[in-house]
Amino acid sequence: MQIRITKNKIEDKLNEYQKKTGASKTWISEQLGISKQRLYAIVNSNNMMLDVALKFALFLNCDIKDLIEYEVENNE
């Protein structure tokens, strides 16, 4: 079985979080323990590890399904 991310919705949730809290992308990246450049790379990619999406879900206090759409592929 393989899980493939088909849509990354992290940017939408981050923008919503920023509007609600006034937090900057720099502050968010510091809270996540990643560089600002890495933050932008994650936001613009469909090729991320699920643990990264989970880290964002925990930070944003939302379900991982709110951040990504995915497909499960059976390789049988």
PDB file of N, CA and C in Angstrom:
ATOM      1  N   MET A   1       0.848  -1.178   0.000  1.00  0.00           N
ATOM      2  CA  MET A   1       0.000   0.000   0.000  1.00  0.00           C
ATOM      3  C   MET A   1       0.891   1.239   0.000  1.00  0.00           C
ATOM      4  N   GLN A   2       0.492   2.217  -0.773  1.00  0.00           N
ATOM      5  CA  GLN A   2       1.215   3.478  -0.845  1.00  0.00           C
ATOM      6  C   GLN A   2       0.213   4.619  -0.747  1.00  0.00           C
ATOM      7  N   ILE A   3       0.583   5.663  -0.026  1.00  0.00           N
ATOM      8  CA  ILE A   3      -0.274   6.835   0.114  1.00  0.00           C
ATOM      9  C   ILE A   3       0.336   7.964  -0.695  1.00  0.00           C
ATOM     10  N   ARG A   4      -0.463   8.543  -1.570  1.00  0.00           N
ATOM     11  CA  ARG A   4       0.003   9.626  -2.430  1.00  0.00           C
ATOM     12  C   ARG A   4      -0.821  10.872  -2.146  1.00  0.00           C
ATOM     13  N   ILE A   5      -0.139  11.966  -1.834  1.00  0.00           N
ATOM     14  CA  ILE A   5      -0.822  13.241  -1.590  1.00  0.00           C
ATOM     15  C   ILE A   5      -1.225  13.826  -2.935  1.00  0.00           C
ATOM     16  N   THR A   6      -2.506  14.137  -3.083  1.00  0.00           N
ATOM     17  CA  THR A   6      -3.002  14.668  -4.347  1.00  0.00           C
ATOM     18  C   THR A   6      -3.237  16.174  -4.313  1.00  0.00           C
ATOM     19  N   LYS A   7      -3.421  16.724  -3.121  1.00  0.00           N
ATOM     20  CA  LYS A   7      -3.598  18.173  -3.007  1.00  0.00           C
ATOM     21  C   LYS A   7      -3.105  18.635  -1.652  1.00  0.00           C
ATOM     22  N   ASN A   8      -2.324  19.680  -1.660  1.00  0.00           N
ATOM     23  CA  ASN A   8      -1.770  20.288  -0.455  1.00  0.00           C
ATOM     24  C   ASN A   8      -2.596  21.527  -0.137  1.00  0.00           C
ATOM     25  N   LYS A   9      -3.274  21.515   1.010  1.00  0.00           N
ATOM     26  CA  LYS A   9      -4.109  22.643   1.401  1.00  0.00           C
ATOM     27  C   LYS A   9      -3.518  23.391   2.599  1.00  0.00           C
ATOM     28  N   ILE A  10      -2.233  23.158   2.866  1.00  0.00           N
ATOM     29  CA  ILE A  10      -1.589  23.792   4.016  1.00  0.00           C
ATOM     30  C   ILE A  10      -1.584  25.312   3.874  1.00  0.00           C
ATOM     31  N   GLU A  11      -1.324  25.813   2.684  1.00  0.00           N
ATOM     32  CA  GLU A  11      -1.272  27.269   2.498  1.00  0.00           C
ATOM     33  C   GLU A  11      -2.597  27.924   2.883  1.00  0.00           C
ATOM     34  N   ASP A  12      -3.707  27.319   2.489  1.00  0.00           N
ATOM     35  CA  ASP A  12      -5.015  27.876   2.831  1.00  0.00           C
ATOM     36  C   ASP A  12      -5.189  27.956   4.345  1.00  0.00           C
ATOM     37  N   LYS A  13      -4.818  26.873   5.042  1.00  0.00           N
ATOM     38  CA  LYS A  13      -4.965  26.847   6.493  1.00  0.00           C
ATOM     39  C   LYS A  13      -4.007  27.827   7.169  1.00  0.00           C
ATOM     40  N   LEU A  14      -2.785  27.945   6.645  1.00  0.00           N
ATOM     41  CA  LEU A  14      -1.841  28.906   7.219  1.00  0.00           C
ATOM     42  C   LEU A  14      -2.341  30.330   7.044  1.00  0.00           C
ATOM     43  N   ASN A  15      -2.871  30.636   5.867  1.00  0.00           N
ATOM     44  CA  ASN A  15      -3.414  31.981   5.630  1.00  0.00           C
ATOM     45  C   ASN A  15      -4.571  32.274   6.578  1.00  0.00           C
ATOM     46  N   GLU A  16      -5.445  31.294   6.777  1.00  0.00           N
ATOM     47  CA  GLU A  16      -6.559  31.432   7.712  1.00  0.00           C
ATOM     48  C   GLU A  16      -6.034  31.672   9.135  1.00  0.00           C
ATOM     49  N   TYR A  17      -5.012  30.909   9.525  1.00  0.00           N
ATOM     50  CA  TYR A  17      -4.404  31.055  10.850  1.00  0.00           C
ATOM     51  C   TYR A  17      -3.790  32.442  11.009  1.00  0.00           C
ATOM     52  N   GLN A  18      -3.094  32.911   9.961  1.00  0.00           N
ATOM     53  CA  GLN A  18      -2.466  34.233  10.018  1.00  0.00           C
ATOM     54  C   GLN A  18      -3.500  35.344  10.150  1.00  0.00           C
ATOM     55  N   LYS A  19      -4.599  35.242   9.428  1.00  0.00           N
ATOM     56  CA  LYS A  19      -5.650  36.255   9.517  1.00  0.00           C
ATOM     57  C   LYS A  19      -6.250  36.295  10.916  1.00  0.00           C
ATOM     58  N   LYS A  20      -6.403  35.118  11.509  1.00  0.00           N
ATOM     59  CA  LYS A  20      -7.010  35.016  12.838  1.00  0.00           C
ATOM     60  C   LYS A  20      -6.067  35.501  13.940  1.00  0.00           C
ATOM     61  N   THR A  21      -4.765  35.217  13.796  1.00  0.00           N
ATOM     62  CA  THR A  21      -3.820  35.488  14.889  1.00  0.00           C
ATOM     63  C   THR A  21      -2.869  36.647  14.629  1.00  0.00           C
ATOM     64  N   GLY A  22      -2.690  37.022  13.364  1.00  0.00           N
ATOM     65  CA  GLY A  22      -1.724  38.055  13.027  1.00  0.00           C
ATOM     66  C   GLY A  22      -0.290  37.540  13.000  1.00  0.00           C
ATOM     67  N   ALA A  23      -0.113  36.234  13.094  1.00  0.00           N
ATOM     68  CA  ALA A  23       1.232  35.629  13.104  1.00  0.00           C
ATOM     69  C   ALA A  23       1.896  35.767  11.740  1.00  0.00           C
ATOM     70  N   SER A  24       3.198  35.985  11.755  1.00  0.00           N
ATOM     71  CA  SER A  24       3.965  36.067  10.507  1.00  0.00           C
ATOM     72  C   SER A  24       4.443  34.667  10.106  1.00  0.00           C
ATOM     73  N   LYS A  25       4.798  34.526   8.846  1.00  0.00           N
ATOM     74  CA  LYS A  25       5.350  33.252   8.378  1.00  0.00           C
ATOM     75  C   LYS A  25       6.673  32.949   9.090  1.00  0.00           C
ATOM     76  N   THR A  26       7.432  33.981   9.405  1.00  0.00           N
ATOM     77  CA  THR A  26       8.689  33.785  10.141  1.00  0.00           C
ATOM     78  C   THR A  26       8.404  33.198  11.512  1.00  0.00           C
ATOM     79  N   TRP A  27       7.434  33.748  12.231  1.00  0.00           N
ATOM     80  CA  TRP A  27       7.083  33.241  13.557  1.00  0.00           C
ATOM     81  C   TRP A  27       6.569  31.806  13.473  1.00  0.00           C
ATOM     82  N   ILE A  28       5.725  31.546  12.476  1.00  0.00           N
ATOM     83  CA  ILE A  28       5.183  30.194  12.300  1.00  0.00           C
ATOM     84  C   ILE A  28       6.307  29.201  12.039  1.00  0.00           C
ATOM     85  N   SER A  29       7.229  29.556  11.154  1.00  0.00           N
ATOM     86  CA  SER A  29       8.336  28.637  10.858  1.00  0.00           C
ATOM     87  C   SER A  29       9.186  28.390  12.099  1.00  0.00           C
ATOM     88  N   GLU A  30       9.383  29.411  12.914  1.00  0.00           N
ATOM     89  CA  GLU A  30      10.136  29.239  14.162  1.00  0.00           C
ATOM     90  C   GLU A  30       9.409  28.285  15.107  1.00  0.00           C
ATOM     91  N   GLN A  31       8.093  28.419  15.200  1.00  0.00           N
ATOM     92  CA  GLN A  31       7.312  27.545  16.075  1.00  0.00           C
ATOM     93  C   GLN A  31       7.356  26.098  15.598  1.00  0.00           C
ATOM     94  N   LEU A  32       7.429  25.908  14.292  1.00  0.00           N
ATOM     95  CA  LEU A  32       7.493  24.563  13.718  1.00  0.00           C
ATOM     96  C   LEU A  32       8.910  23.996  13.716  1.00  0.00           C
ATOM     97  N   GLY A  33       9.896  24.850  13.996  1.00  0.00           N
ATOM     98  CA  GLY A  33      11.281  24.401  14.027  1.00  0.00           C
ATOM     99  C   GLY A  33      11.871  24.167  12.647  1.00  0.00           C
ATOM    100  N   ILE A  34      11.396  24.959  11.678  1.00  0.00           N
ATOM    101  CA  ILE A  34      11.900  24.848  10.312  1.00  0.00           C
ATOM    102  C   ILE A  34      12.250  26.240   9.802  1.00  0.00           C
ATOM    103  N   SER A  35      13.040  26.285   8.745  1.00  0.00           N
ATOM    104  CA  SER A  35      13.376  27.584   8.162  1.00  0.00           C
ATOM    105  C   SER A  35      12.183  28.121   7.372  1.00  0.00           C
ATOM    106  N   LYS A  36      12.201  29.421   7.158  1.00  0.00           N
ATOM    107  CA  LYS A  36      11.142  30.046   6.365  1.00  0.00           C
ATOM    108  C   LYS A  36      11.152  29.494   4.938  1.00  0.00           C
ATOM    109  N   GLN A  37      12.331  29.225   4.405  1.00  0.00           N
ATOM    110  CA  GLN A  37      12.444  28.654   3.058  1.00  0.00           C
ATOM    111  C   GLN A  37      11.820  27.253   3.006  1.00  0.00           C
ATOM    112  N   ARG A  38      12.049  26.465   4.064  1.00  0.00           N
ATOM    113  CA  ARG A  38      11.461  25.116   4.136  1.00  0.00           C
ATOM    114  C   ARG A  38       9.951  25.221   4.233  1.00  0.00           C
ATOM    115  N   LEU A  39       9.452  26.193   4.974  1.00  0.00           N
ATOM    116  CA  LEU A  39       8.012  26.410   5.077  1.00  0.00           C
ATOM    117  C   LEU A  39       7.412  26.636   3.698  1.00  0.00           C
ATOM    118  N   TYR A  40       8.028  27.526   2.918  1.00  0.00           N
ATOM    119  CA  TYR A  40       7.525  27.798   1.571  1.00  0.00           C
ATOM    120  C   TYR A  40       7.616  26.564   0.676  1.00  0.00           C
ATOM    121  N   ALA A  41       8.666  25.778   0.822  1.00  0.00           N
ATOM    122  CA  ALA A  41       8.819  24.556   0.026  1.00  0.00           C
ATOM    123  C   ALA A  41       7.699  23.561   0.351  1.00  0.00           C
ATOM    124  N   ILE A  42       7.372  23.432   1.625  1.00  0.00           N
ATOM    125  CA  ILE A  42       6.301  22.516   2.040  1.00  0.00           C
ATOM    126  C   ILE A  42       4.955  22.991   1.519  1.00  0.00           C
ATOM    127  N   VAL A  43       4.695  24.279   1.652  1.00  0.00           N
ATOM    128  CA  VAL A  43       3.428  24.851   1.212  1.00  0.00           C
ATOM    129  C   VAL A  43       3.221  24.646  -0.294  1.00  0.00           C
ATOM    130  N   ASN A  44       4.286  24.672  -1.054  1.00  0.00           N
ATOM    131  CA  ASN A  44       4.187  24.585  -2.508  1.00  0.00           C
ATOM    132  C   ASN A  44       4.430  23.189  -3.066  1.00  0.00           C
ATOM    133  N   SER A  45       4.388  22.166  -2.234  1.00  0.00           N
ATOM    134  CA  SER A  45       4.720  20.822  -2.687  1.00  0.00           C
ATOM    135  C   SER A  45       3.607  19.823  -2.394  1.00  0.00           C
ATOM    136  N   ASN A  46       3.441  18.870  -3.272  1.00  0.00           N
ATOM    137  CA  ASN A  46       2.580  17.719  -3.017  1.00  0.00           C
ATOM    138  C   ASN A  46       3.429  16.506  -2.666  1.00  0.00           C
ATOM    139  N   ASN A  47       4.716  16.706  -2.536  1.00  0.00           N
ATOM    140  CA  ASN A  47       5.641  15.611  -2.269  1.00  0.00           C
ATOM    141  C   ASN A  47       6.241  15.787  -0.882  1.00  0.00           C
ATOM    142  N   MET A  48       5.434  15.512   0.138  1.00  0.00           N
ATOM    143  CA  MET A  48       5.908  15.664   1.509  1.00  0.00           C
ATOM    144  C   MET A  48       5.630  14.383   2.274  1.00  0.00           C
ATOM    145  N   MET A  49       6.325  14.221   3.351  1.00  0.00           N
ATOM    146  CA  MET A  49       6.105  13.076   4.215  1.00  0.00           C
ATOM    147  C   MET A  49       4.868  13.354   5.073  1.00  0.00           C
ATOM    148  N   LEU A  50       4.162  12.304   5.413  1.00  0.00           N
ATOM    149  CA  LEU A  50       2.958  12.471   6.226  1.00  0.00           C
ATOM    150  C   LEU A  50       3.272  13.031   7.606  1.00  0.00           C
ATOM    151  N   ASP A  51       4.464  12.745   8.127  1.00  0.00           N
ATOM    152  CA  ASP A  51       4.805  13.293   9.441  1.00  0.00           C
ATOM    153  C   ASP A  51       4.910  14.816   9.394  1.00  0.00           C
ATOM    154  N   VAL A  52       5.283  15.362   8.244  1.00  0.00           N
ATOM    155  CA  VAL A  52       5.339  16.822   8.083  1.00  0.00           C
ATOM    156  C   VAL A  52       3.921  17.392   8.120  1.00  0.00           C
ATOM    157  N   ALA A  53       3.007  16.768   7.388  1.00  0.00           N
ATOM    158  CA  ALA A  53       1.619  17.215   7.395  1.00  0.00           C
ATOM    159  C   ALA A  53       1.028  17.092   8.798  1.00  0.00           C
ATOM    160  N   LEU A  54       1.382  16.028   9.507  1.00  0.00           N
ATOM    161  CA  LEU A  54       0.896  15.850  10.871  1.00  0.00           C
ATOM    162  C   LEU A  54       1.422  16.951  11.794  1.00  0.00           C
ATOM    163  N   LYS A  55       2.673  17.338  11.616  1.00  0.00           N
ATOM    164  CA  LYS A  55       3.259  18.419  12.419  1.00  0.00           C
ATOM    165  C   LYS A  55       2.470  19.723  12.221  1.00  0.00           C
ATOM    166  N   PHE A  56       2.112  20.011  10.978  1.00  0.00           N
ATOM    167  CA  PHE A  56       1.311  21.205  10.687  1.00  0.00           C
ATOM    168  C   PHE A  56      -0.082  21.076  11.294  1.00  0.00           C
ATOM    169  N   ALA A  57      -0.686  19.890  11.206  1.00  0.00           N
ATOM    170  CA  ALA A  57      -2.018  19.668  11.762  1.00  0.00           C
ATOM    171  C   ALA A  57      -2.013  19.899  13.272  1.00  0.00           C
ATOM    172  N   LEU A  58      -1.000  19.416  13.944  1.00  0.00           N
ATOM    173  CA  LEU A  58      -0.903  19.618  15.390  1.00  0.00           C
ATOM    174  C   LEU A  58      -0.719  21.095  15.719  1.00  0.00           C
ATOM    175  N   PHE A  59       0.125  21.793  14.959  1.00  0.00           N
ATOM    176  CA  PHE A  59       0.360  23.214  15.188  1.00  0.00           C
ATOM    177  C   PHE A  59      -0.913  24.028  14.960  1.00  0.00           C
ATOM    178  N   LEU A  60      -1.629  23.727  13.888  1.00  0.00           N
ATOM    179  CA  LEU A  60      -2.821  24.480  13.522  1.00  0.00           C
ATOM    180  C   LEU A  60      -4.077  23.987  14.238  1.00  0.00           C
ATOM    181  N   ASN A  61      -3.903  22.930  15.047  1.00  0.00           N
ATOM    182  CA  ASN A  61      -5.015  22.354  15.802  1.00  0.00           C
ATOM    183  C   ASN A  61      -6.174  21.962  14.884  1.00  0.00           C
ATOM    184  N   CYS A  62      -5.842  21.201  13.857  1.00  0.00           N
ATOM    185  CA  CYS A  62      -6.863  20.750  12.920  1.00  0.00           C
ATOM    186  C   CYS A  62      -6.583  19.299  12.533  1.00  0.00           C
ATOM    187  N   ASP A  63      -7.490  18.710  11.837  1.00  0.00           N
ATOM    188  CA  ASP A  63      -7.339  17.343  11.355  1.00  0.00           C
ATOM    189  C   ASP A  63      -6.427  17.339  10.134  1.00  0.00           C
ATOM    190  N   ILE A  64      -5.636  16.306  10.003  1.00  0.00           N
ATOM    191  CA  ILE A  64      -4.725  16.211   8.856  1.00  0.00           C
ATOM    192  C   ILE A  64      -5.495  16.238   7.538  1.00  0.00           C
ATOM    193  N   LYS A  65      -6.743  15.766   7.554  1.00  0.00           N
ATOM    194  CA  LYS A  65      -7.576  15.783   6.345  1.00  0.00           C
ATOM    195  C   LYS A  65      -7.933  17.207   5.913  1.00  0.00           C
ATOM    196  N   ASP A  66      -7.788  18.171   6.828  1.00  0.00           N
ATOM    197  CA  ASP A  66      -8.024  19.576   6.482  1.00  0.00           C
ATOM    198  C   ASP A  66      -6.835  20.163   5.718  1.00  0.00           C
ATOM    199  N   LEU A  67      -5.709  19.469   5.734  1.00  0.00           N
ATOM    200  CA  LEU A  67      -4.480  19.996   5.131  1.00  0.00           C
ATOM    201  C   LEU A  67      -4.088  19.323   3.829  1.00  0.00           C
ATOM    202  N   ILE A  68      -4.478  18.082   3.675  1.00  0.00           N
ATOM    203  CA  ILE A  68      -4.082  17.363   2.464  1.00  0.00           C
ATOM    204  C   ILE A  68      -5.237  16.488   1.975  1.00  0.00           C
ATOM    205  N   GLU A  69      -5.241  16.261   0.685  1.00  0.00           N
ATOM    206  CA  GLU A  69      -6.089  15.232   0.094  1.00  0.00           C
ATOM    207  C   GLU A  69      -5.136  14.147  -0.365  1.00  0.00           C
ATOM    208  N   TYR A  70      -5.528  12.912  -0.221  1.00  0.00           N
ATOM    209  CA  TYR A  70      -4.635  11.822  -0.558  1.00  0.00           C
ATOM    210  C   TYR A  70      -5.384  10.639  -1.139  1.00  0.00           C
ATOM    211  N   GLU A  71      -4.636   9.768  -1.791  1.00  0.00           N
ATOM    212  CA  GLU A  71      -5.162   8.526  -2.342  1.00  0.00           C
ATOM    213  C   GLU A  71      -4.327   7.387  -1.780  1.00  0.00           C
ATOM    214  N   VAL A  72      -4.991   6.271  -1.519  1.00  0.00           N
ATOM    215  CA  VAL A  72      -4.288   5.076  -1.098  1.00  0.00           C
ATOM    216  C   VAL A  72      -4.234   4.155  -2.304  1.00  0.00           C
ATOM    217  N   GLU A  73      -3.021   3.763  -2.669  1.00  0.00           N
ATOM    218  CA  GLU A  73      -2.821   2.892  -3.822  1.00  0.00           C
ATOM    219  C   GLU A  73      -2.393   1.518  -3.326  1.00  0.00           C
ATOM    220  N   ASN A  74      -3.136   0.505  -3.717  1.00  0.00           N
ATOM    221  CA  ASN A  74      -2.768  -0.862  -3.388  1.00  0.00           C
ATOM    222  C   ASN A  74      -1.856  -1.404  -4.461  1.00  0.00           C
ATOM    223  N   ASN A  75      -0.708  -1.879  -4.064  1.00  0.00           N
ATOM    224  CA  ASN A  75       0.286  -2.385  -5.023  1.00  0.00           C
ATOM    225  C   ASN A  75       0.286  -3.903  -5.033  1.00  0.00           C
ATOM    226  N   GLU A  76      -0.872  -4.486  -5.014  1.00  0.00           N
ATOM    227  CA  GLU A  76      -0.961  -5.943  -5.001  1.00  0.00           C
ATOM    228  C   GLU A  76      -1.078  -6.514  -6.382  1.00  0.00           C
TER     229      GLU A  76
END
